[in-house]
Amino acid sequence: MTAGDPAHETTSGLPADPDTASPDTTPRDRPAHLRPDYIGAVFAGGCCGVAAREALIDRFPTDGVPWTVFVINIVGAFLLGILLEALARRGPDIGRRRFLRMLVGTGFMGGFTTYSALATDAADLLSSGSPGAGAAYGVGTVIVGAIATWTGIAVGALTHRTEGDVR
């Protein structure tokens, strides 16, 4: 079906909304952000990630600098680097690989890590008379998180080599 087809136009002659389903469009033909299975995977993974984060924060409370949130964000960045590199080396982002990326990467890791808590915690430190600690916490988390992500990518590359990789 092309844009010039009468079946692709409304009664006013304007093009139909491409996001609406037509009789010849199945859910698998929809973009990823409109597919119920991917939406469900992100939701389920996110719920589990948030539950894991909150369990760790409750289990390891901190006074002053929120080290538990810091560690959660760094570990999440590292694991996300491993996951995405491993999936990328296994083939194109389709089928089970895309579903796993949505479930674990976007969902679980997105719920597990928390940059909103990072921002709030840094602001709390800044406003509570510890501007140095607040700035170091905010900037340090981003820098260490970037290093953790890069390290995760490197680990993912080492542990999931493709046939064309040279040792």
C-alpha atoms as a PDB file:
ATOM      1  CA  MET A   1       0.000   0.000   0.000  1.00  0.00           C
ATOM      2  CA  THR A   2       1.504   3.362  -0.989  1.00  0.00           C
ATOM      3  CA  ALA A   3       0.624   6.922  -0.060  1.00  0.00           C
ATOM      4  CA  GLY A   4      -1.195   7.408  -3.360  1.00  0.00           C
ATOM      5  CA  ASP A   5      -3.464   4.390  -2.922  1.00  0.00           C
ATOM      6  CA  PRO A   6      -7.102   5.237  -2.231  1.00  0.00           C
ATOM      7  CA  ALA A   7      -7.048   2.744   0.655  1.00  0.00           C
ATOM      8  CA  HIS A   8      -4.329   4.850   2.321  1.00  0.00           C
ATOM      9  CA  GLU A   9      -6.352   8.080   2.214  1.00  0.00           C
ATOM     10  CA  THR A  10      -9.240   9.343   4.321  1.00  0.00           C
ATOM     11  CA  THR A  11     -12.546  10.449   2.825  1.00  0.00           C
ATOM     12  CA  SER A  12     -11.190  14.007   2.769  1.00  0.00           C
ATOM     13  CA  GLY A  13      -8.336  12.918   0.508  1.00  0.00           C
ATOM     14  CA  LEU A  14      -5.716  13.440   3.230  1.00  0.00           C
ATOM     15  CA  PRO A  15      -3.262  10.664   4.050  1.00  0.00           C
ATOM     16  CA  ALA A  16      -4.400   8.335   6.808  1.00  0.00           C
ATOM     17  CA  ASP A  17      -2.569   8.312  10.129  1.00  0.00           C
ATOM     18  CA  PRO A  18       0.315   5.848   9.636  1.00  0.00           C
ATOM     19  CA  ASP A  19       0.191   4.811  13.302  1.00  0.00           C
ATOM     20  CA  THR A  20      -3.302   3.389  13.062  1.00  0.00           C
ATOM     21  CA  ALA A  21      -3.716  -0.242  12.219  1.00  0.00           C
ATOM     22  CA  SER A  22      -5.189  -1.219   8.912  1.00  0.00           C
ATOM     23  CA  PRO A  23      -6.555  -4.644   7.998  1.00  0.00           C
ATOM     24  CA  ASP A  24      -3.233  -5.608   6.415  1.00  0.00           C
ATOM     25  CA  THR A  25      -1.106  -4.394   9.362  1.00  0.00           C
ATOM     26  CA  THR A  26      -0.334  -6.888  12.096  1.00  0.00           C
ATOM     27  CA  PRO A  27       1.024  -5.970  15.532  1.00  0.00           C
ATOM     28  CA  ARG A  28       4.459  -7.302  14.436  1.00  0.00           C
ATOM     29  CA  ASP A  29       4.562  -4.675  11.653  1.00  0.00           C
ATOM     30  CA  ARG A  30       4.191  -1.816  14.128  1.00  0.00           C
ATOM     31  CA  PRO A  31       7.150   0.236  15.379  1.00  0.00           C
ATOM     32  CA  ALA A  32       8.662  -1.115  18.602  1.00  0.00           C
ATOM     33  CA  HIS A  33       7.189   1.655  20.771  1.00  0.00           C
ATOM     34  CA  LEU A  34       3.660   0.689  19.636  1.00  0.00           C
ATOM     35  CA  ARG A  35       3.957  -3.078  20.111  1.00  0.00           C
ATOM     36  CA  PRO A  36       2.107  -4.436  23.149  1.00  0.00           C
ATOM     37  CA  ASP A  37       4.680  -7.198  23.725  1.00  0.00           C
ATOM     38  CA  TYR A  38       7.538  -4.700  23.958  1.00  0.00           C
ATOM     39  CA  ILE A  39       5.506  -2.299  26.084  1.00  0.00           C
ATOM     40  CA  GLY A  40       4.721  -5.186  28.440  1.00  0.00           C
ATOM     41  CA  ALA A  41       8.371  -6.271  28.530  1.00  0.00           C
ATOM     42  CA  VAL A  42       9.558  -2.770  29.445  1.00  0.00           C
ATOM     43  CA  PHE A  43       6.835  -2.480  32.092  1.00  0.00           C
ATOM     44  CA  ALA A  44       7.586  -5.885  33.645  1.00  0.00           C
ATOM     45  CA  GLY A  45      11.339  -5.334  33.575  1.00  0.00           C
ATOM     46  CA  GLY A  46      10.929  -1.843  35.014  1.00  0.00           C
ATOM     47  CA  CYS A  47       8.784  -3.113  37.883  1.00  0.00           C
ATOM     48  CA  CYS A  48      11.412  -5.721  38.747  1.00  0.00           C
ATOM     49  CA  GLY A  49      14.244  -3.180  38.462  1.00  0.00           C
ATOM     50  CA  VAL A  50      12.518  -0.701  40.764  1.00  0.00           C
ATOM     51  CA  ALA A  51      11.763  -3.480  43.263  1.00  0.00           C
ATOM     52  CA  ALA A  52      15.420  -4.578  43.244  1.00  0.00           C
ATOM     53  CA  ARG A  53      16.636  -0.987  43.706  1.00  0.00           C
ATOM     54  CA  GLU A  54      14.245  -0.291  46.570  1.00  0.00           C
ATOM     55  CA  ALA A  55      15.163  -3.587  48.260  1.00  0.00           C
ATOM     56  CA  LEU A  56      18.848  -2.623  48.143  1.00  0.00           C
ATOM     57  CA  ILE A  57      18.184   0.917  49.389  1.00  0.00           C
ATOM     58  CA  ASP A  58      16.120  -0.484  52.287  1.00  0.00           C
ATOM     59  CA  ARG A  59      18.717  -3.179  53.047  1.00  0.00           C
ATOM     60  CA  PHE A  60      21.711  -0.805  52.950  1.00  0.00           C
ATOM     61  CA  PRO A  61      20.623   2.572  54.336  1.00  0.00           C
ATOM     62  CA  THR A  62      23.232   5.333  54.375  1.00  0.00           C
ATOM     63  CA  ASP A  63      23.850   8.461  56.405  1.00  0.00           C
ATOM     64  CA  GLY A  64      25.133  11.504  54.591  1.00  0.00           C
ATOM     65  CA  VAL A  65      26.373  10.480  51.154  1.00  0.00           C
ATOM     66  CA  PRO A  66      23.896   8.064  49.503  1.00  0.00           C
ATOM     67  CA  TRP A  67      26.425   5.365  48.620  1.00  0.00           C
ATOM     68  CA  THR A  68      23.777   2.728  47.925  1.00  0.00           C
ATOM     69  CA  VAL A  69      22.273   4.774  45.086  1.00  0.00           C
ATOM     70  CA  PHE A  70      25.796   5.491  43.810  1.00  0.00           C
ATOM     71  CA  VAL A  71      26.647   1.763  43.693  1.00  0.00           C
ATOM     72  CA  ILE A  72      23.292   0.891  42.108  1.00  0.00           C
ATOM     73  CA  ASN A  73      23.860   3.415  39.314  1.00  0.00           C
ATOM     74  CA  ILE A  74      27.429   2.253  38.682  1.00  0.00           C
ATOM     75  CA  VAL A  75      26.540  -1.449  38.688  1.00  0.00           C
ATOM     76  CA  GLY A  76      23.561  -0.747  36.414  1.00  0.00           C
ATOM     77  CA  ALA A  77      25.729   1.190  33.952  1.00  0.00           C
ATOM     78  CA  PHE A  78      28.293  -1.643  33.915  1.00  0.00           C
ATOM     79  CA  LEU A  79      25.681  -4.369  33.381  1.00  0.00           C
ATOM     80  CA  LEU A  80      23.927  -2.361  30.681  1.00  0.00           C
ATOM     81  CA  GLY A  81      27.243  -2.009  28.841  1.00  0.00           C
ATOM     82  CA  ILE A  82      27.783  -5.782  28.970  1.00  0.00           C
ATOM     83  CA  LEU A  83      24.221  -6.535  27.868  1.00  0.00           C
ATOM     84  CA  LEU A  84      24.110  -4.159  24.925  1.00  0.00           C
ATOM     85  CA  GLU A  85      27.549  -5.142  23.632  1.00  0.00           C
ATOM     86  CA  ALA A  86      26.756  -8.852  23.951  1.00  0.00           C
ATOM     87  CA  LEU A  87      23.439  -8.428  22.136  1.00  0.00           C
ATOM     88  CA  ALA A  88      25.023  -6.300  19.402  1.00  0.00           C
ATOM     89  CA  ARG A  89      27.688  -8.942  18.782  1.00  0.00           C
ATOM     90  CA  ARG A  90      25.107 -11.707  18.455  1.00  0.00           C
ATOM     91  CA  GLY A  91      23.304 -10.097  15.531  1.00  0.00           C
ATOM     92  CA  PRO A  92      20.760  -7.491  14.508  1.00  0.00           C
ATOM     93  CA  ASP A  93      18.346  -5.966  17.023  1.00  0.00           C
ATOM     94  CA  ILE A  94      15.374  -8.147  16.083  1.00  0.00           C
ATOM     95  CA  GLY A  95      13.309 -10.940  17.588  1.00  0.00           C
ATOM     96  CA  ARG A  96      14.525 -12.338  20.899  1.00  0.00           C
ATOM     97  CA  ARG A  97      17.506  -9.967  21.050  1.00  0.00           C
ATOM     98  CA  ARG A  98      15.247  -6.925  20.806  1.00  0.00           C
ATOM     99  CA  PHE A  99      12.814  -8.409  23.332  1.00  0.00           C
ATOM    100  CA  LEU A 100      15.688  -9.090  25.752  1.00  0.00           C
ATOM    101  CA  ARG A 101      17.041  -5.563  25.241  1.00  0.00           C
ATOM    102  CA  MET A 102      13.595  -4.126  25.997  1.00  0.00           C
ATOM    103  CA  LEU A 103      12.996  -6.386  29.018  1.00  0.00           C
ATOM    104  CA  VAL A 104      16.420  -6.230  30.660  1.00  0.00           C
ATOM    105  CA  GLY A 105      18.071  -3.128  29.193  1.00  0.00           C
ATOM    106  CA  THR A 106      15.281  -0.594  28.930  1.00  0.00           C
ATOM    107  CA  GLY A 107      12.992  -2.161  31.536  1.00  0.00           C
ATOM    108  CA  PHE A 108      15.027  -3.694  34.362  1.00  0.00           C
ATOM    109  CA  MET A 109      18.127  -1.501  34.109  1.00  0.00           C
ATOM    110  CA  GLY A 110      16.005   1.584  33.502  1.00  0.00           C
ATOM    111  CA  GLY A 111      14.057   0.872  36.686  1.00  0.00           C
ATOM    112  CA  PHE A 112      17.101  -0.277  38.648  1.00  0.00           C
ATOM    113  CA  THR A 113      19.246   2.782  37.968  1.00  0.00           C
ATOM    114  CA  THR A 114      17.984   6.141  39.141  1.00  0.00           C
ATOM    115  CA  TYR A 115      19.292   9.429  37.928  1.00  0.00           C
ATOM    116  CA  SER A 116      16.360  11.251  39.498  1.00  0.00           C
ATOM    117  CA  ALA A 117      17.561  10.078  42.927  1.00  0.00           C
ATOM    118  CA  LEU A 118      21.104  11.062  41.902  1.00  0.00           C
ATOM    119  CA  ALA A 119      19.919  14.598  41.130  1.00  0.00           C
ATOM    120  CA  THR A 120      17.849  14.828  44.319  1.00  0.00           C
ATOM    121  CA  ASP A 121      20.646  13.441  46.483  1.00  0.00           C
ATOM    122  CA  ALA A 122      23.210  15.805  44.945  1.00  0.00           C
ATOM    123  CA  ALA A 123      20.847  18.758  45.482  1.00  0.00           C
ATOM    124  CA  ASP A 124      20.266  17.687  49.095  1.00  0.00           C
ATOM    125  CA  LEU A 125      24.011  17.533  49.711  1.00  0.00           C
ATOM    126  CA  LEU A 126      24.512  20.911  48.036  1.00  0.00           C
ATOM    127  CA  SER A 127      21.793  22.592  50.099  1.00  0.00           C
ATOM    128  CA  SER A 128      22.712  20.957  53.421  1.00  0.00           C
ATOM    129  CA  GLY A 129      26.025  22.728  53.777  1.00  0.00           C
ATOM    130  CA  SER A 130      28.092  20.175  51.870  1.00  0.00           C
ATOM    131  CA  PRO A 131      28.502  21.795  48.456  1.00  0.00           C
ATOM    132  CA  GLY A 132      31.795  20.004  47.802  1.00  0.00           C
ATOM    133  CA  ALA A 133      30.276  16.620  48.596  1.00  0.00           C
ATOM    134  CA  GLY A 134      27.195  17.390  46.499  1.00  0.00           C
ATOM    135  CA  ALA A 135      29.222  18.454  43.475  1.00  0.00           C
ATOM    136  CA  ALA A 136      31.628  15.530  43.837  1.00  0.00           C
ATOM    137  CA  TYR A 137      28.728  13.096  44.208  1.00  0.00           C
ATOM    138  CA  GLY A 138      26.880  14.384  41.139  1.00  0.00           C
ATOM    139  CA  VAL A 139      29.877  14.758  38.840  1.00  0.00           C
ATOM    140  CA  GLY A 140      31.600  11.675  40.229  1.00  0.00           C
ATOM    141  CA  THR A 141      28.579   9.473  39.619  1.00  0.00           C
ATOM    142  CA  VAL A 142      28.369  10.563  35.992  1.00  0.00           C
ATOM    143  CA  ILE A 143      32.113  10.108  35.383  1.00  0.00           C
ATOM    144  CA  VAL A 144      32.365   6.767  37.184  1.00  0.00           C
ATOM    145  CA  GLY A 145      29.137   5.667  35.467  1.00  0.00           C
ATOM    146  CA  ALA A 146      30.638   6.444  32.055  1.00  0.00           C
ATOM    147  CA  ILE A 147      33.773   4.483  32.963  1.00  0.00           C
ATOM    148  CA  ALA A 148      31.611   1.596  34.211  1.00  0.00           C
ATOM    149  CA  THR A 149      29.639   1.605  30.963  1.00  0.00           C
ATOM    150  CA  TRP A 150      32.815   1.574  28.881  1.00  0.00           C
ATOM    151  CA  THR A 151      34.218  -1.229  31.050  1.00  0.00           C
ATOM    152  CA  GLY A 152      30.989  -3.189  30.628  1.00  0.00           C
ATOM    153  CA  ILE A 153      31.199  -2.768  26.857  1.00  0.00           C
ATOM    154  CA  ALA A 154      34.806  -4.015  26.932  1.00  0.00           C
ATOM    155  CA  VAL A 155      33.833  -7.027  29.066  1.00  0.00           C
ATOM    156  CA  GLY A 156      30.906  -7.736  26.751  1.00  0.00           C
ATOM    157  CA  ALA A 157      33.252  -7.595  23.765  1.00  0.00           C
ATOM    158  CA  LEU A 158      35.751  -9.965  25.403  1.00  0.00           C
ATOM    159  CA  THR A 159      33.185 -12.513  26.519  1.00  0.00           C
ATOM    160  CA  HIS A 160      31.042 -12.466  23.386  1.00  0.00           C
ATOM    161  CA  ARG A 161      33.479 -12.489  20.497  1.00  0.00           C
ATOM    162  CA  THR A 162      32.147 -13.034  17.009  1.00  0.00           C
ATOM    163  CA  GLU A 163      33.877 -15.288  14.473  1.00  0.00           C
ATOM    164  CA  GLY A 164      35.405 -12.299  12.692  1.00  0.00           C
ATOM    165  CA  ASP A 165      37.070 -10.949  15.846  1.00  0.00           C
ATOM    166  CA  VAL A 166      40.835 -11.333  16.095  1.00  0.00           C
ATOM    167  CA  ARG A 167      42.268 -12.284  19.478  1.00  0.00           C
END
